[in-house]
Amino acid sequence: MVRTKRELRSFALWLFVPATLGLLALVPLSAAVDVSLSKFMRDPAALLGASPFTGFVSNVGALVWMSTAAISAFGAHGLYRWEGWNGRVGLLVAGTGLSLMLLMDDFFMFHETVWVQTLGWDERVLFLIYGTLVGGSLWAARAALRDTALGFLFAAGFLFATSIGIDQLPEGSLPGHVLIEDGAKFLGIVGWFGYFASMAWAFLDESGRGKLVEVANA
């Protein structure tokens, strides 16, 4: 918690300096990749003259990814302060990192542009890597899993697998192909959010109640 002017100034530096440097870095980057600065700065729909609803579900999905990462990060921080490092903190840290990774991939179309078009690799290999990272993170924190709402996680996994499977079919081969494929992906993101949000809430609530009992008995 920011309590003094010195702490507030320090926080402002950490907040605005990286953001400013990031904006300035766009100038040489724009020249290096031969893309106008306005394309980095302006809204895609405005640049394309498209409807403001263009990419609506995809953009909302990115917001849900970001919300998951933020809730997991704050949950991990709060739990760490109360309990120190343990499997439950590790699970929330994994949720933060994995959500940010999947957000960056989804929002910037990493697997479709860099992985497939630039590198020429099969996107299924990337999906296998992501699955391995998720599975490895859950295995490392397996002792804490029994205290979580695994139904959300299983639902998310099933929906993501459904979306990936339909993506391999020729477009238009199913009635409502786009709705099913992208709808399953969006619902998978929602399930992912439900898993980590409910976990953060439950862990913090339980730990907080324990602290209250300790204070009352002190």
C-alpha atoms as a PDB file:
ATOM      1  CA  MET A   1       0.000   0.000   0.000  1.00  0.00           C
ATOM      2  CA  VAL A   2       1.330   3.458  -0.968  1.00  0.00           C
ATOM      3  CA  ARG A   3       1.620   5.517   2.236  1.00  0.00           C
ATOM      4  CA  THR A   4       4.144   8.300   1.636  1.00  0.00           C
ATOM      5  CA  LYS A   5       4.934  10.812  -1.130  1.00  0.00           C
ATOM      6  CA  ARG A   6       8.262   9.082  -1.684  1.00  0.00           C
ATOM      7  CA  GLU A   7       6.551   5.739  -2.205  1.00  0.00           C
ATOM      8  CA  LEU A   8       4.043   7.400  -4.516  1.00  0.00           C
ATOM      9  CA  ARG A   9       6.825   8.940  -6.620  1.00  0.00           C
ATOM     10  CA  SER A  10       8.602   5.599  -6.808  1.00  0.00           C
ATOM     11  CA  PHE A  11       5.391   3.892  -7.862  1.00  0.00           C
ATOM     12  CA  ALA A  12       4.781   6.557 -10.524  1.00  0.00           C
ATOM     13  CA  LEU A  13       8.277   5.980 -11.936  1.00  0.00           C
ATOM     14  CA  TRP A  14       7.733   2.232 -12.133  1.00  0.00           C
ATOM     15  CA  LEU A  15       4.378   2.885 -13.769  1.00  0.00           C
ATOM     16  CA  PHE A  16       5.126   5.573 -16.369  1.00  0.00           C
ATOM     17  CA  VAL A  17       8.802   5.103 -17.278  1.00  0.00           C
ATOM     18  CA  PRO A  18       8.421   1.606 -18.813  1.00  0.00           C
ATOM     19  CA  ALA A  19       5.228   2.685 -20.590  1.00  0.00           C
ATOM     20  CA  THR A  20       6.958   5.762 -22.026  1.00  0.00           C
ATOM     21  CA  LEU A  21      10.016   3.781 -23.102  1.00  0.00           C
ATOM     22  CA  GLY A  22       7.731   1.260 -24.772  1.00  0.00           C
ATOM     23  CA  LEU A  23       6.039   4.009 -26.775  1.00  0.00           C
ATOM     24  CA  LEU A  24       9.376   5.524 -27.808  1.00  0.00           C
ATOM     25  CA  ALA A  25      10.647   2.111 -28.898  1.00  0.00           C
ATOM     26  CA  LEU A  26       7.857   1.984 -31.473  1.00  0.00           C
ATOM     27  CA  VAL A  27       9.626   4.675 -33.520  1.00  0.00           C
ATOM     28  CA  PRO A  28      12.704   2.577 -34.479  1.00  0.00           C
ATOM     29  CA  LEU A  29      10.570  -0.567 -34.613  1.00  0.00           C
ATOM     30  CA  SER A  30       8.221   1.107 -37.103  1.00  0.00           C
ATOM     31  CA  ALA A  31      11.168   1.924 -39.355  1.00  0.00           C
ATOM     32  CA  ALA A  32      12.732  -1.529 -38.955  1.00  0.00           C
ATOM     33  CA  VAL A  33       9.611  -3.470 -39.988  1.00  0.00           C
ATOM     34  CA  ASP A  34       8.411  -0.826 -42.478  1.00  0.00           C
ATOM     35  CA  VAL A  35       5.042  -0.378 -40.809  1.00  0.00           C
ATOM     36  CA  SER A  36       3.709   3.138 -40.249  1.00  0.00           C
ATOM     37  CA  LEU A  37       3.570   4.366 -36.686  1.00  0.00           C
ATOM     38  CA  SER A  38      -0.156   5.057 -37.004  1.00  0.00           C
ATOM     39  CA  LYS A  39      -0.764   1.329 -37.526  1.00  0.00           C
ATOM     40  CA  PHE A  40       0.893   0.633 -34.187  1.00  0.00           C
ATOM     41  CA  MET A  41      -1.063   3.345 -32.417  1.00  0.00           C
ATOM     42  CA  ARG A  42      -4.584   3.452 -33.810  1.00  0.00           C
ATOM     43  CA  ASP A  43      -7.530   1.109 -33.354  1.00  0.00           C
ATOM     44  CA  PRO A  44      -7.645  -1.641 -36.031  1.00  0.00           C
ATOM     45  CA  ALA A  45     -11.310  -1.009 -36.827  1.00  0.00           C
ATOM     46  CA  ALA A  46     -10.578   2.691 -37.378  1.00  0.00           C
ATOM     47  CA  LEU A  47      -7.608   1.911 -39.635  1.00  0.00           C
ATOM     48  CA  LEU A  48      -9.628  -0.525 -41.717  1.00  0.00           C
ATOM     49  CA  GLY A  49     -12.779   1.578 -41.760  1.00  0.00           C
ATOM     50  CA  ALA A  50     -14.574  -1.434 -40.309  1.00  0.00           C
ATOM     51  CA  SER A  51     -17.470  -1.726 -37.885  1.00  0.00           C
ATOM     52  CA  PRO A  52     -16.560  -1.051 -34.236  1.00  0.00           C
ATOM     53  CA  PHE A  53     -17.962  -4.518 -33.528  1.00  0.00           C
ATOM     54  CA  THR A  54     -15.232  -6.128 -35.656  1.00  0.00           C
ATOM     55  CA  GLY A  55     -13.518  -8.806 -33.576  1.00  0.00           C
ATOM     56  CA  PHE A  56     -15.919  -8.199 -30.675  1.00  0.00           C
ATOM     57  CA  VAL A  57     -15.848 -11.728 -29.222  1.00  0.00           C
ATOM     58  CA  SER A  58     -12.095 -12.026 -29.780  1.00  0.00           C
ATOM     59  CA  ASN A  59     -11.472  -8.729 -27.968  1.00  0.00           C
ATOM     60  CA  VAL A  60     -13.705  -9.714 -25.066  1.00  0.00           C
ATOM     61  CA  GLY A  61     -11.813 -12.998 -24.879  1.00  0.00           C
ATOM     62  CA  ALA A  62      -8.550 -11.054 -24.540  1.00  0.00           C
ATOM     63  CA  LEU A  63     -10.078  -9.056 -21.688  1.00  0.00           C
ATOM     64  CA  VAL A  64     -11.046 -12.313 -19.949  1.00  0.00           C
ATOM     65  CA  TRP A  65      -7.494 -13.667 -20.396  1.00  0.00           C
ATOM     66  CA  MET A  66      -6.131 -10.454 -18.850  1.00  0.00           C
ATOM     67  CA  SER A  67      -8.653 -10.587 -16.001  1.00  0.00           C
ATOM     68  CA  THR A  68      -7.569 -14.142 -15.229  1.00  0.00           C
ATOM     69  CA  ALA A  69      -3.911 -13.131 -15.115  1.00  0.00           C
ATOM     70  CA  ALA A  70      -4.637 -10.119 -12.901  1.00  0.00           C
ATOM     71  CA  ILE A  71      -6.805 -12.033 -10.424  1.00  0.00           C
ATOM     72  CA  SER A  72      -4.287 -14.873 -10.247  1.00  0.00           C
ATOM     73  CA  ALA A  73      -1.408 -12.435  -9.674  1.00  0.00           C
ATOM     74  CA  PHE A  74      -3.176 -10.544  -6.894  1.00  0.00           C
ATOM     75  CA  GLY A  75      -4.324 -13.811  -5.357  1.00  0.00           C
ATOM     76  CA  ALA A  76      -0.778 -15.212  -5.409  1.00  0.00           C
ATOM     77  CA  HIS A  77       0.619 -12.024  -3.884  1.00  0.00           C
ATOM     78  CA  GLY A  78      -1.922 -11.934  -1.066  1.00  0.00           C
ATOM     79  CA  LEU A  79      -1.590 -15.628  -0.290  1.00  0.00           C
ATOM     80  CA  TYR A  80       2.211 -15.432  -0.330  1.00  0.00           C
ATOM     81  CA  ARG A  81       2.163 -12.644   2.235  1.00  0.00           C
ATOM     82  CA  TRP A  82       0.007 -14.722   4.545  1.00  0.00           C
ATOM     83  CA  GLU A  83       1.394 -18.216   4.017  1.00  0.00           C
ATOM     84  CA  GLY A  84       4.766 -17.888   2.264  1.00  0.00           C
ATOM     85  CA  TRP A  85       5.579 -19.993  -0.768  1.00  0.00           C
ATOM     86  CA  ASN A  86       3.556 -23.192  -1.126  1.00  0.00           C
ATOM     87  CA  GLY A  87       1.755 -25.227  -3.776  1.00  0.00           C
ATOM     88  CA  ARG A  88      -1.325 -23.017  -3.709  1.00  0.00           C
ATOM     89  CA  VAL A  89       0.743 -19.900  -4.374  1.00  0.00           C
ATOM     90  CA  GLY A  90       2.593 -21.777  -7.105  1.00  0.00           C
ATOM     91  CA  LEU A  91      -0.685 -22.737  -8.745  1.00  0.00           C
ATOM     92  CA  LEU A  92      -1.806 -19.099  -8.865  1.00  0.00           C
ATOM     93  CA  VAL A  93       1.595 -17.998 -10.177  1.00  0.00           C
ATOM     94  CA  ALA A  94       1.275 -20.632 -12.911  1.00  0.00           C
ATOM     95  CA  GLY A  95      -2.196 -19.294 -13.693  1.00  0.00           C
ATOM     96  CA  THR A  96      -0.743 -15.807 -14.060  1.00  0.00           C
ATOM     97  CA  GLY A  97       2.075 -16.854 -16.386  1.00  0.00           C
ATOM     98  CA  LEU A  98       0.003 -19.223 -18.508  1.00  0.00           C
ATOM     99  CA  SER A  99      -2.828 -16.704 -18.893  1.00  0.00           C
ATOM    100  CA  LEU A 100      -0.410 -13.988 -20.018  1.00  0.00           C
ATOM    101  CA  MET A 101       1.244 -16.381 -22.466  1.00  0.00           C
ATOM    102  CA  LEU A 102      -2.087 -17.434 -23.962  1.00  0.00           C
ATOM    103  CA  LEU A 103      -3.261 -13.812 -24.032  1.00  0.00           C
ATOM    104  CA  MET A 104      -0.223 -12.718 -26.038  1.00  0.00           C
ATOM    105  CA  ASP A 105      -0.670 -15.611 -28.452  1.00  0.00           C
ATOM    106  CA  ASP A 106      -4.381 -14.991 -28.919  1.00  0.00           C
ATOM    107  CA  PHE A 107      -4.336 -11.184 -29.056  1.00  0.00           C
ATOM    108  CA  PHE A 108      -1.335 -10.870 -31.381  1.00  0.00           C
ATOM    109  CA  MET A 109      -2.168 -14.033 -33.392  1.00  0.00           C
ATOM    110  CA  PHE A 110       1.254 -15.500 -32.579  1.00  0.00           C
ATOM    111  CA  HIS A 111       0.544 -19.074 -33.637  1.00  0.00           C
ATOM    112  CA  GLU A 112      -1.072 -17.953 -36.907  1.00  0.00           C
ATOM    113  CA  THR A 113       1.511 -15.340 -37.946  1.00  0.00           C
ATOM    114  CA  VAL A 114       4.923 -15.963 -36.368  1.00  0.00           C
ATOM    115  CA  TRP A 115       4.660 -19.733 -35.850  1.00  0.00           C
ATOM    116  CA  VAL A 116       2.912 -20.760 -39.062  1.00  0.00           C
ATOM    117  CA  GLN A 117       3.530 -18.010 -41.630  1.00  0.00           C
ATOM    118  CA  THR A 118       6.984 -16.774 -40.595  1.00  0.00           C
ATOM    119  CA  LEU A 119       8.581 -19.956 -39.249  1.00  0.00           C
ATOM    120  CA  GLY A 120       6.516 -22.358 -41.331  1.00  0.00           C
ATOM    121  CA  TRP A 121       5.904 -24.755 -38.450  1.00  0.00           C
ATOM    122  CA  ASP A 122       2.796 -26.785 -37.762  1.00  0.00           C
ATOM    123  CA  GLU A 123       0.578 -24.976 -35.263  1.00  0.00           C
ATOM    124  CA  ARG A 124      -0.348 -28.317 -33.714  1.00  0.00           C
ATOM    125  CA  VAL A 125       3.206 -28.517 -32.372  1.00  0.00           C
ATOM    126  CA  LEU A 126       2.661 -25.215 -30.574  1.00  0.00           C
ATOM    127  CA  PHE A 127      -0.622 -26.457 -29.145  1.00  0.00           C
ATOM    128  CA  LEU A 128       1.245 -29.535 -27.889  1.00  0.00           C
ATOM    129  CA  ILE A 129       3.838 -27.267 -26.222  1.00  0.00           C
ATOM    130  CA  TYR A 130       1.079 -25.229 -24.574  1.00  0.00           C
ATOM    131  CA  GLY A 131      -0.636 -28.381 -23.387  1.00  0.00           C
ATOM    132  CA  THR A 132       2.648 -29.657 -21.956  1.00  0.00           C
ATOM    133  CA  LEU A 133       3.239 -26.375 -20.099  1.00  0.00           C
ATOM    134  CA  VAL A 134      -0.277 -26.406 -18.644  1.00  0.00           C
ATOM    135  CA  GLY A 135      -0.051 -30.073 -17.699  1.00  0.00           C
ATOM    136  CA  GLY A 136       3.421 -29.643 -16.212  1.00  0.00           C
ATOM    137  CA  SER A 137       2.313 -26.674 -14.114  1.00  0.00           C
ATOM    138  CA  LEU A 138      -0.683 -28.566 -12.773  1.00  0.00           C
ATOM    139  CA  TRP A 139       1.440 -31.640 -12.036  1.00  0.00           C
ATOM    140  CA  ALA A 140       3.998 -29.544 -10.144  1.00  0.00           C
ATOM    141  CA  ALA A 141       1.225 -28.125  -7.947  1.00  0.00           C
ATOM    142  CA  ARG A 142      -0.848 -31.332  -7.846  1.00  0.00           C
ATOM    143  CA  ALA A 143      -1.062 -31.359  -4.048  1.00  0.00           C
ATOM    144  CA  ALA A 144      -3.089 -28.142  -4.130  1.00  0.00           C
ATOM    145  CA  LEU A 145      -5.472 -29.267  -6.894  1.00  0.00           C
ATOM    146  CA  ARG A 146      -7.846 -31.093  -4.559  1.00  0.00           C
ATOM    147  CA  ASP A 147      -8.890 -27.741  -3.091  1.00  0.00           C
ATOM    148  CA  THR A 148      -9.871 -26.284  -6.479  1.00  0.00           C
ATOM    149  CA  ALA A 149     -12.975 -26.398  -8.679  1.00  0.00           C
ATOM    150  CA  LEU A 150     -11.554 -28.783 -11.259  1.00  0.00           C
ATOM    151  CA  GLY A 151     -14.852 -28.889 -13.152  1.00  0.00           C
ATOM    152  CA  PHE A 152     -14.083 -25.454 -14.597  1.00  0.00           C
ATOM    153  CA  LEU A 153     -10.647 -26.623 -15.737  1.00  0.00           C
ATOM    154  CA  PHE A 154     -11.971 -29.802 -17.347  1.00  0.00           C
ATOM    155  CA  ALA A 155     -14.676 -27.803 -19.118  1.00  0.00           C
ATOM    156  CA  ALA A 156     -12.074 -25.321 -20.402  1.00  0.00           C
ATOM    157  CA  GLY A 157      -9.839 -28.134 -21.646  1.00  0.00           C
ATOM    158  CA  PHE A 158     -12.723 -29.850 -23.434  1.00  0.00           C
ATOM    159  CA  LEU A 159     -13.859 -26.606 -25.076  1.00  0.00           C
ATOM    160  CA  PHE A 160     -10.332 -25.680 -26.209  1.00  0.00           C
ATOM    161  CA  ALA A 161      -9.866 -29.178 -27.658  1.00  0.00           C
ATOM    162  CA  THR A 162     -13.203 -28.859 -29.452  1.00  0.00           C
ATOM    163  CA  SER A 163     -12.205 -25.520 -30.962  1.00  0.00           C
ATOM    164  CA  ILE A 164      -8.807 -26.829 -32.099  1.00  0.00           C
ATOM    165  CA  GLY A 165     -10.396 -29.965 -33.562  1.00  0.00           C
ATOM    166  CA  ILE A 166     -12.978 -28.012 -35.567  1.00  0.00           C
ATOM    167  CA  ASP A 167     -10.248 -25.645 -36.753  1.00  0.00           C
ATOM    168  CA  GLN A 168      -8.625 -28.588 -38.545  1.00  0.00           C
ATOM    169  CA  LEU A 169     -11.760 -29.135 -40.657  1.00  0.00           C
ATOM    170  CA  PRO A 170     -12.351 -27.249 -43.923  1.00  0.00           C
ATOM    171  CA  GLU A 171     -14.215 -24.015 -43.183  1.00  0.00           C
ATOM    172  CA  GLY A 172     -17.894 -24.370 -43.970  1.00  0.00           C
ATOM    173  CA  SER A 173     -17.853 -28.146 -43.550  1.00  0.00           C
ATOM    174  CA  LEU A 174     -20.175 -27.837 -40.548  1.00  0.00           C
ATOM    175  CA  PRO A 175     -23.346 -25.785 -40.118  1.00  0.00           C
ATOM    176  CA  GLY A 176     -22.389 -22.805 -37.952  1.00  0.00           C
ATOM    177  CA  HIS A 177     -18.683 -23.667 -38.299  1.00  0.00           C
ATOM    178  CA  VAL A 178     -17.393 -20.245 -37.140  1.00  0.00           C
ATOM    179  CA  LEU A 179     -19.856 -20.012 -34.259  1.00  0.00           C
ATOM    180  CA  ILE A 180     -18.962 -23.479 -32.979  1.00  0.00           C
ATOM    181  CA  GLU A 181     -15.190 -23.103 -33.391  1.00  0.00           C
ATOM    182  CA  ASP A 182     -14.767 -19.588 -31.989  1.00  0.00           C
ATOM    183  CA  GLY A 183     -17.669 -19.981 -29.569  1.00  0.00           C
ATOM    184  CA  ALA A 184     -16.049 -23.064 -28.032  1.00  0.00           C
ATOM    185  CA  LYS A 185     -12.774 -21.168 -27.732  1.00  0.00           C
ATOM    186  CA  PHE A 186     -14.460 -18.213 -26.021  1.00  0.00           C
ATOM    187  CA  LEU A 187     -16.334 -20.463 -23.600  1.00  0.00           C
ATOM    188  CA  GLY A 188     -13.047 -22.242 -22.898  1.00  0.00           C
ATOM    189  CA  ILE A 189     -11.488 -18.908 -21.931  1.00  0.00           C
ATOM    190  CA  VAL A 190     -14.475 -18.248 -19.662  1.00  0.00           C
ATOM    191  CA  GLY A 191     -14.010 -21.667 -18.035  1.00  0.00           C
ATOM    192  CA  TRP A 192     -10.289 -20.927 -17.561  1.00  0.00           C
ATOM    193  CA  PHE A 193     -11.211 -17.652 -15.868  1.00  0.00           C
ATOM    194  CA  GLY A 194     -13.766 -19.429 -13.666  1.00  0.00           C
ATOM    195  CA  TYR A 195     -11.165 -21.918 -12.508  1.00  0.00           C
ATOM    196  CA  PHE A 196      -8.483 -19.460 -11.436  1.00  0.00           C
ATOM    197  CA  ALA A 197     -10.899 -16.783 -10.160  1.00  0.00           C
ATOM    198  CA  SER A 198     -12.737 -19.284  -7.952  1.00  0.00           C
ATOM    199  CA  MET A 199      -9.397 -20.660  -6.792  1.00  0.00           C
ATOM    200  CA  ALA A 200      -8.017 -17.249  -5.831  1.00  0.00           C
ATOM    201  CA  TRP A 201     -11.239 -16.401  -3.997  1.00  0.00           C
ATOM    202  CA  ALA A 202     -11.339 -19.701  -2.088  1.00  0.00           C
ATOM    203  CA  PHE A 203      -7.653 -19.680  -1.128  1.00  0.00           C
ATOM    204  CA  LEU A 204      -7.681 -16.065   0.065  1.00  0.00           C
ATOM    205  CA  ASP A 205     -10.956 -16.546   1.936  1.00  0.00           C
ATOM    206  CA  GLU A 206      -9.699 -19.645   3.718  1.00  0.00           C
ATOM    207  CA  SER A 207      -6.315 -18.115   4.522  1.00  0.00           C
ATOM    208  CA  GLY A 208      -7.903 -14.858   5.677  1.00  0.00           C
ATOM    209  CA  ARG A 209     -10.275 -16.672   7.990  1.00  0.00           C
ATOM    210  CA  GLY A 210      -7.326 -18.549   9.432  1.00  0.00           C
ATOM    211  CA  LYS A 211      -5.518 -15.270  10.129  1.00  0.00           C
ATOM    212  CA  LEU A 212      -8.583 -13.868  11.865  1.00  0.00           C
ATOM    213  CA  VAL A 213      -8.710 -16.943  14.110  1.00  0.00           C
ATOM    214  CA  GLU A 214      -5.005 -16.521  14.951  1.00  0.00           C
ATOM    215  CA  VAL A 215      -5.548 -12.859  15.866  1.00  0.00           C
ATOM    216  CA  ALA A 216      -8.590 -13.707  17.975  1.00  0.00           C
ATOM    217  CA  ASN A 217      -6.694 -16.405  19.865  1.00  0.00           C
ATOM    218  CA  ALA A 218      -3.571 -14.304  20.362  1.00  0.00           C
END
